[in-house]
Protein backbone atom coordinates (compact mmCIF):
# COMPACT_ATOMS: atom_id res chain seq x y z
CA MET A 1 137.55 146.15 99.80
CA ALA A 2 137.22 149.49 97.80
CA SER A 3 136.09 148.01 94.49
CA SER A 4 133.21 145.40 96.50
CA PRO A 5 130.27 148.03 95.26
CA ALA A 6 131.59 148.52 91.63
CA ARG A 7 131.87 144.56 91.38
CA ARG A 8 128.17 143.86 93.20
CA ARG A 9 126.88 146.42 90.66
CA ARG A 10 127.82 144.81 87.78
CA VAL A 11 127.09 141.02 89.13
CA VAL A 12 124.13 142.53 89.53
CA THR A 13 123.79 144.06 86.12
CA LEU A 14 124.62 140.55 84.12
CA LEU A 15 122.35 138.32 86.60
CA ALA A 16 119.28 140.64 84.91
CA LEU A 17 120.73 139.61 81.86
CA ALA A 18 121.21 135.86 82.40
CA ALA A 19 117.32 136.06 83.72
CA SER A 20 116.47 138.10 80.66
CA LEU A 21 117.91 135.75 78.49
CA ALA A 22 116.21 132.67 80.61
CA LEU A 23 112.89 134.06 80.48
CA ALA A 24 113.16 134.67 76.78
CA ALA A 25 113.50 131.27 76.02
CA PRO A 26 109.57 129.68 77.09
CA ALA A 27 108.61 132.95 74.76
CA VAL A 28 105.20 131.23 72.78
CA ASP A 29 104.30 132.37 69.31
CA ALA A 30 102.45 135.51 68.95
CA ARG A 31 99.71 134.18 67.41
CA PRO A 32 96.40 132.63 68.64
CA GLY A 33 96.96 129.57 70.64
CA GLY A 34 100.68 129.67 69.27
CA GLY A 35 102.81 127.57 71.11
CA GLY A 36 100.56 125.90 73.31
CA GLY A 37 97.50 123.49 73.44
CA MET A 38 94.17 124.57 74.63
CA GLY A 39 90.49 124.27 74.63
CA SER A 40 88.01 120.93 74.86
CA ARG A 41 87.57 118.03 72.74
CA GLY A 42 84.89 116.18 74.36
CA SER A 43 85.65 112.71 76.00
CA LYS A 44 89.25 112.88 74.17
CA THR A 45 90.73 115.99 75.47
CA TYR A 46 93.88 114.53 77.19
CA SER A 47 94.55 111.71 74.38
CA ALA A 48 96.55 112.67 71.01
CA PRO A 49 94.39 113.13 67.98
CA PRO A 50 95.60 110.92 65.43
CA SER A 51 99.06 111.86 62.77
CA THR A 52 97.76 112.60 59.72
CA ALA A 53 100.68 113.40 56.19
CA THR A 54 100.26 117.17 57.55
CA SER A 55 101.19 116.50 60.61
CA PRO A 56 103.30 112.85 61.31
CA GLY A 57 105.19 113.50 64.51
CA ALA A 58 104.01 114.30 68.16
CA THR A 59 101.06 116.52 68.72
CA GLY A 60 101.53 118.82 71.71
CA PRO A 61 99.15 118.12 75.04
CA ILE A 62 96.04 120.27 75.74
CA GLN A 63 98.11 122.60 78.58
CA ARG A 64 94.49 124.38 79.69
CA SER A 65 90.96 123.31 79.55
CA GLN A 66 87.83 123.75 81.24
CA THR A 67 87.52 119.68 80.54
CA SER A 68 88.38 118.25 84.02
CA PRO A 69 89.95 114.97 83.62
CA SER A 70 88.34 111.88 85.79
CA PRO A 71 89.91 110.60 89.14
CA GLY A 72 93.34 108.96 88.82
CA PHE A 73 93.46 109.99 85.29
CA ASN A 74 97.49 110.63 84.36
CA ASN A 75 97.41 113.84 82.07
CA PRO A 76 101.28 114.17 80.39
CA GLY A 77 100.60 117.87 79.91
CA MET A 78 99.17 118.74 83.44
CA ALA A 79 101.84 116.54 84.61
CA ALA A 80 105.02 117.75 82.83
CA GLN A 81 104.06 120.79 83.15
CA ASN A 82 103.46 120.89 87.03
CA GLN A 83 107.09 118.97 87.10
CA GLY A 84 108.21 121.79 85.81
CA ARG A 85 106.94 124.05 88.04
CA ARG A 86 108.83 122.14 90.92
CA PHE A 87 111.55 121.95 89.25
CA GLY A 88 112.35 125.44 88.37
CA GLY A 89 110.72 126.62 92.07
CA GLY A 90 113.16 124.02 93.54
CA PHE A 91 115.79 122.61 92.17
CA LEU A 92 116.42 125.86 90.19
CA GLY A 93 115.72 127.88 93.13
CA GLY A 94 117.88 126.36 95.17
CA MET A 95 120.36 127.02 92.95
CA LEU A 96 119.95 130.93 92.78
CA GLY A 97 118.73 131.18 96.05
CA ALA A 98 122.08 129.98 97.87
CA GLY A 99 124.28 130.50 94.88
CA LEU A 100 123.44 133.74 93.17
CA ILE A 101 122.57 135.67 95.96
CA GLY A 102 125.51 134.22 97.23
CA ALA A 103 127.51 135.74 95.30
CA LEU A 104 125.86 138.97 95.51
CA LEU A 105 127.19 138.38 99.16
CA GLY A 106 130.58 137.39 98.29
CA ALA A 107 130.80 133.92 98.63
CA GLY A 108 129.72 132.79 94.98
CA LEU A 109 128.95 129.63 94.17
CA SER A 110 132.33 128.17 94.19
CA GLY A 111 132.27 129.75 98.08
CA GLY A 112 134.28 132.22 97.76
CA LEU A 113 135.27 134.99 95.52
CA GLY A 114 138.67 136.71 95.18
CA GLY A 115 140.84 138.36 92.19
CA ILE A 116 139.57 139.45 88.47
CA GLY A 117 139.67 135.19 87.54
CA SER A 118 137.15 134.90 90.34
CA PHE A 119 134.69 137.66 88.61
CA ILE A 120 135.35 136.12 85.67
CA GLY A 121 134.43 132.10 87.16
CA LEU A 122 131.27 134.40 88.24
CA ILE A 123 130.33 135.35 84.66
CA PHE A 124 131.02 132.08 83.45
CA GLN A 125 128.43 130.52 86.17
CA ILE A 126 125.79 132.74 85.16
CA GLY A 127 126.32 131.53 81.90
CA LEU A 128 126.39 128.19 82.87
CA ILE A 129 123.01 128.59 85.04
CA ALA A 130 121.27 131.05 82.12
CA LEU A 131 122.10 127.67 79.82
CA LEU A 132 120.06 125.48 82.02
CA VAL A 133 117.42 127.33 82.62
CA MET A 134 116.84 127.37 79.07
CA PHE A 135 117.64 123.63 78.76
CA VAL A 136 115.20 122.68 81.33
CA VAL A 137 112.35 125.07 79.49
CA ARG A 138 113.14 122.76 76.19
CA PHE A 139 113.12 118.66 78.02
CA PHE A 140 109.99 119.88 79.86
CA ARG A 141 108.03 120.78 77.00
CA ARG A 142 109.32 118.06 74.49
CA ARG A 143 109.00 115.87 77.18
CA GLN A 144 105.37 117.14 77.68
CA GLU A 145 104.44 116.82 74.00
CA GLY A 146 106.80 113.40 73.22
CA ASN A 147 104.52 111.84 76.57
CA GLN A 148 101.28 112.08 73.84
CA PRO A 149 101.86 109.20 71.15
CA ALA A 150 99.84 109.72 68.01
CA MET A 151 97.28 107.28 67.74
CA ALA A 152 96.56 105.70 64.27
CA SER A 153 93.61 103.56 62.69
CA ASN A 154 92.97 102.04 59.46
CA THR A 155 89.63 103.53 59.67
CA PRO A 156 89.53 106.74 57.66
CA HIS A 157 86.46 109.12 58.03
CA ALA A 158 87.39 111.45 55.15
CA ARG A 159 86.47 111.61 51.49
CA SER A 160 88.05 112.63 48.69
CA GLY A 161 86.04 115.40 46.09
CA LEU A 162 87.37 118.46 47.39
CA PRO A 163 88.43 120.51 44.63
CA PRO A 164 92.52 120.47 43.64
CA GLN A 165 92.96 124.05 44.43
CA ASN A 166 91.73 123.74 48.19
CA GLY A 167 94.52 123.12 50.52
CA MET A 168 92.54 121.32 52.48
CA ASN A 169 92.79 117.78 51.39
CA PRO A 170 90.34 115.18 52.84
CA GLY A 171 91.42 112.19 50.81
CA ALA A 172 94.87 112.22 51.88
CA ASN A 173 95.43 111.51 55.12
CA PRO A 174 96.19 107.69 54.74
CA ILE A 175 96.65 107.56 58.83
CA GLY A 176 93.89 109.24 59.94
CA GLY A 177 90.15 107.81 61.32
CA LEU A 178 88.90 107.45 64.50
CA GLY A 179 91.41 107.22 67.16
CA GLY A 180 90.96 104.36 69.72
CA GLY A 181 90.76 104.82 73.16
CA LEU A 182 89.07 107.86 75.63
CA GLY A 183 92.27 109.36 77.25
CA GLY A 184 92.45 106.85 80.58
CA GLY A 185 89.72 106.89 82.84
CA LEU A 186 88.28 110.02 81.00
CA GLY A 187 84.65 109.76 80.07
CA GLY A 188 85.12 106.02 80.10
CA ASN A 189 81.07 105.98 80.24
CA VAL A 190 81.30 108.07 76.59
CA ARG A 191 79.72 106.35 73.41
CA THR A 192 81.91 108.00 70.76
CA GLN A 193 80.66 107.06 66.91
CA PRO A 194 82.54 108.14 64.35
CA VAL A 195 81.39 110.64 62.03
CA GLN A 196 81.85 111.19 58.06
CA VAL A 197 83.13 114.52 57.38
CA GLN A 198 81.66 116.30 53.79
CA PRO A 199 83.82 118.32 51.66
CA GLU A 200 81.97 121.48 52.67
CA ASP A 201 82.70 120.88 55.78
CA PHE A 202 86.44 121.43 55.03
CA GLN A 203 85.71 124.16 53.29
CA ALA A 204 84.42 125.66 56.66
CA PHE A 205 87.47 124.49 58.78
CA GLU A 206 89.66 126.88 56.21
CA ARG A 207 87.11 129.65 56.75
CA SER A 208 87.23 129.25 60.36
CA LEU A 209 91.28 129.33 59.62
CA ASN A 210 91.12 132.74 58.03
CA GLU A 211 88.29 134.29 59.60
CA ILE A 212 89.91 133.51 63.05
CA GLN A 213 93.20 134.63 62.60
CA GLY A 214 92.25 138.12 60.67
CA ALA A 215 89.43 138.43 63.83
CA PHE A 216 92.50 137.96 66.30
CA GLY A 217 94.92 140.56 64.45
CA ARG A 218 92.02 143.26 64.66
CA GLU A 219 91.38 142.21 67.90
CA ASP A 220 87.81 141.77 66.74
CA VAL A 221 86.08 139.60 69.94
CA ALA A 222 82.22 139.41 68.24
CA THR A 223 83.42 137.52 65.67
CA LEU A 224 85.66 135.27 67.65
CA ARG A 225 82.88 134.59 70.01
CA ARG A 226 80.46 133.54 66.08
CA LEU A 227 83.36 131.41 65.38
CA ALA A 228 84.49 130.11 68.68
CA THR A 229 83.07 128.06 71.77
CA PRO A 230 82.98 130.37 75.18
CA GLU A 231 86.35 128.11 76.03
CA MET A 232 88.06 129.42 73.49
CA VAL A 233 87.51 132.85 73.45
CA GLY A 234 88.12 133.46 77.00
CA TYR A 235 91.63 132.36 76.32
CA PHE A 236 91.55 134.36 73.59
CA GLU A 237 90.22 137.26 75.64
CA GLU A 238 93.27 136.53 78.00
CA GLU A 239 96.12 136.33 74.84
CA LEU A 240 94.12 140.03 74.22
CA ARG A 241 94.77 141.52 77.35
CA ALA A 242 98.32 140.39 77.68
CA ASN A 243 98.53 141.97 74.94
CA ALA A 244 97.25 145.36 76.08
CA ALA A 245 98.85 145.15 79.50
CA ARG A 246 102.26 144.94 77.15
CA GLY A 247 101.08 147.92 75.20
CA VAL A 248 101.39 145.71 71.82
CA VAL A 249 99.23 144.46 69.11
CA ASN A 250 99.08 141.49 67.59
CA ARG A 251 98.85 141.58 63.51
CA ILE A 252 98.11 138.59 61.55
CA SER A 253 97.31 138.51 57.94
CA ASP A 254 97.88 136.99 54.59
CA VAL A 255 96.85 133.20 56.20
CA LYS A 256 96.59 130.75 53.56
CA LEU A 257 96.13 127.01 53.86
CA LEU A 258 99.15 124.97 53.01
CA GLN A 259 98.23 121.41 53.43
CA GLY A 260 94.86 119.87 55.65
CA ASP A 261 93.60 116.85 56.33
CA LEU A 262 91.30 115.18 59.06
CA SER A 263 92.77 113.60 61.95
CA GLU A 264 89.64 112.40 63.55
CA ALA A 265 86.33 112.80 63.66
CA TRP A 266 83.23 111.68 66.30
CA ARG A 267 79.99 111.68 67.64
CA GLU A 268 79.31 112.06 71.72
CA GLY A 269 75.17 112.41 71.93
CA SER A 270 74.53 114.42 69.78
CA VAL A 271 77.35 116.62 69.72
CA GLU A 272 79.66 116.22 66.75
CA PHE A 273 83.61 116.17 66.90
CA ALA A 274 86.48 116.81 64.04
CA THR A 275 89.92 117.17 64.67
CA VAL A 276 91.90 118.28 61.34
CA ALA A 277 95.59 119.02 60.93
CA MET A 278 96.52 121.79 58.98
CA ARG A 279 99.59 123.78 58.14
CA PHE A 280 99.80 127.40 57.03
CA SER A 281 101.29 130.48 56.05
CA LEU A 282 100.91 134.02 57.64
CA ARG A 283 102.26 137.27 57.92
CA ASP A 284 102.31 137.20 62.38
CA GLU A 285 103.93 140.87 63.08
CA VAL A 286 104.06 142.90 66.63
CA PHE A 287 103.64 146.50 66.70
CA GLU A 288 103.70 148.41 69.21
CA ARG A 289 100.50 149.83 70.37
CA SER A 290 100.90 153.70 71.30
CA THR A 291 103.20 154.35 68.68
CA ASN A 292 102.45 151.80 65.71
CA ARG A 293 106.60 150.78 66.16
CA HIS A 294 107.32 147.40 64.91
CA VAL A 295 108.75 145.08 67.70
CA GLU A 296 108.88 141.46 66.32
CA ASN A 297 108.01 138.90 63.94
CA GLY A 298 106.42 135.59 65.09
CA PRO A 299 106.45 132.36 62.81
CA GLN A 300 105.42 132.66 58.87
CA GLU A 301 104.36 129.62 58.70
CA ALA A 302 102.17 126.99 61.61
CA LYS A 303 101.04 123.53 61.73
CA GLU A 304 98.93 122.87 64.15
CA PHE A 305 95.70 120.53 65.46
CA TRP A 306 92.31 122.33 65.56
CA THR A 307 89.46 120.57 67.07
CA PHE A 308 85.56 121.70 65.62
CA VAL A 309 82.58 120.76 67.83
CA ARG A 310 79.08 121.17 65.98
CA GLU A 311 75.41 120.57 67.74
CA PRO A 312 72.51 119.43 65.64
CA ASN A 313 71.66 121.95 62.88
CA GLY A 314 74.72 124.38 63.99
CA PRO A 315 77.54 125.58 62.63
CA TRP A 316 81.09 124.27 63.60
CA LEU A 317 82.87 125.93 66.47
CA LEU A 318 86.85 126.01 67.44
CA SER A 319 86.95 124.19 70.63
CA ALA A 320 90.61 123.21 70.96
CA ILE A 321 93.70 124.11 68.79
CA GLN A 322 97.44 121.83 69.62
CA GLN A 323 100.38 122.03 68.14
CA GLY A 324 101.77 119.59 65.60
CA ARG A 325 104.86 118.36 64.36
């Protein structure tokens, strides 16, 4: 047919558009750690932190960590992530391979293209596939977050007494406390003890929130190394390198803690951990590196669980970030 090459070029254009829409679905927030869980929480790395008044919903799982689960341990975050890859690489890959490539060759998903009606049908099918990809991505993301139930305890470990103007309220968590269990088989022989978090600790957490976000926006790796564990600094550097590869810079400013409370605090040997839920506002913007042209805005408010760790007589260092609800 004379019109076949032109029609196929239009099909290729539409496929590219559908693919770009589908790939845009899993985009994460630009801020450091935005959109995904990363880091280590000792023996509790793969256990959900208890919900709090600041973040009463399900907590996003740790998806990247240097802490390995013990043999036989079921990590919902990893399982859902891998399941999503298998689904996309198998079922969807088969659809795209057999259907869309076939469409380019003239077969189509329905077994043949003919006339304008078939062409409109192809456009409709492409739209359905793009929607299906977005649905699958969101389904597995919600599923891996939903598989992490929030744990509650009746033993609060926060103390009141922080000045009311401070966003972090250690006395506002009616559900907080040391979480039960160690995350399945992980660290079953690790003994944990509750830790009392003092007002000056909450002030340190709030300072870290502001300083880490600001340092990431300035691409100040030296400051990040002072405030976070080597593992977290490694993840931040990966994100900064990815921005550089894209030719953009993520600038973060006006960070303000709106609400915060303690989820859990514990000791493993001589090392202390504290996980706090924080809701904060910020200006999260992305600019083109070469021209300083404004590219996009990130969310202006976030809700996250930050875990801090410290050794005896040492400062609190950020060791994990998880998304809150």
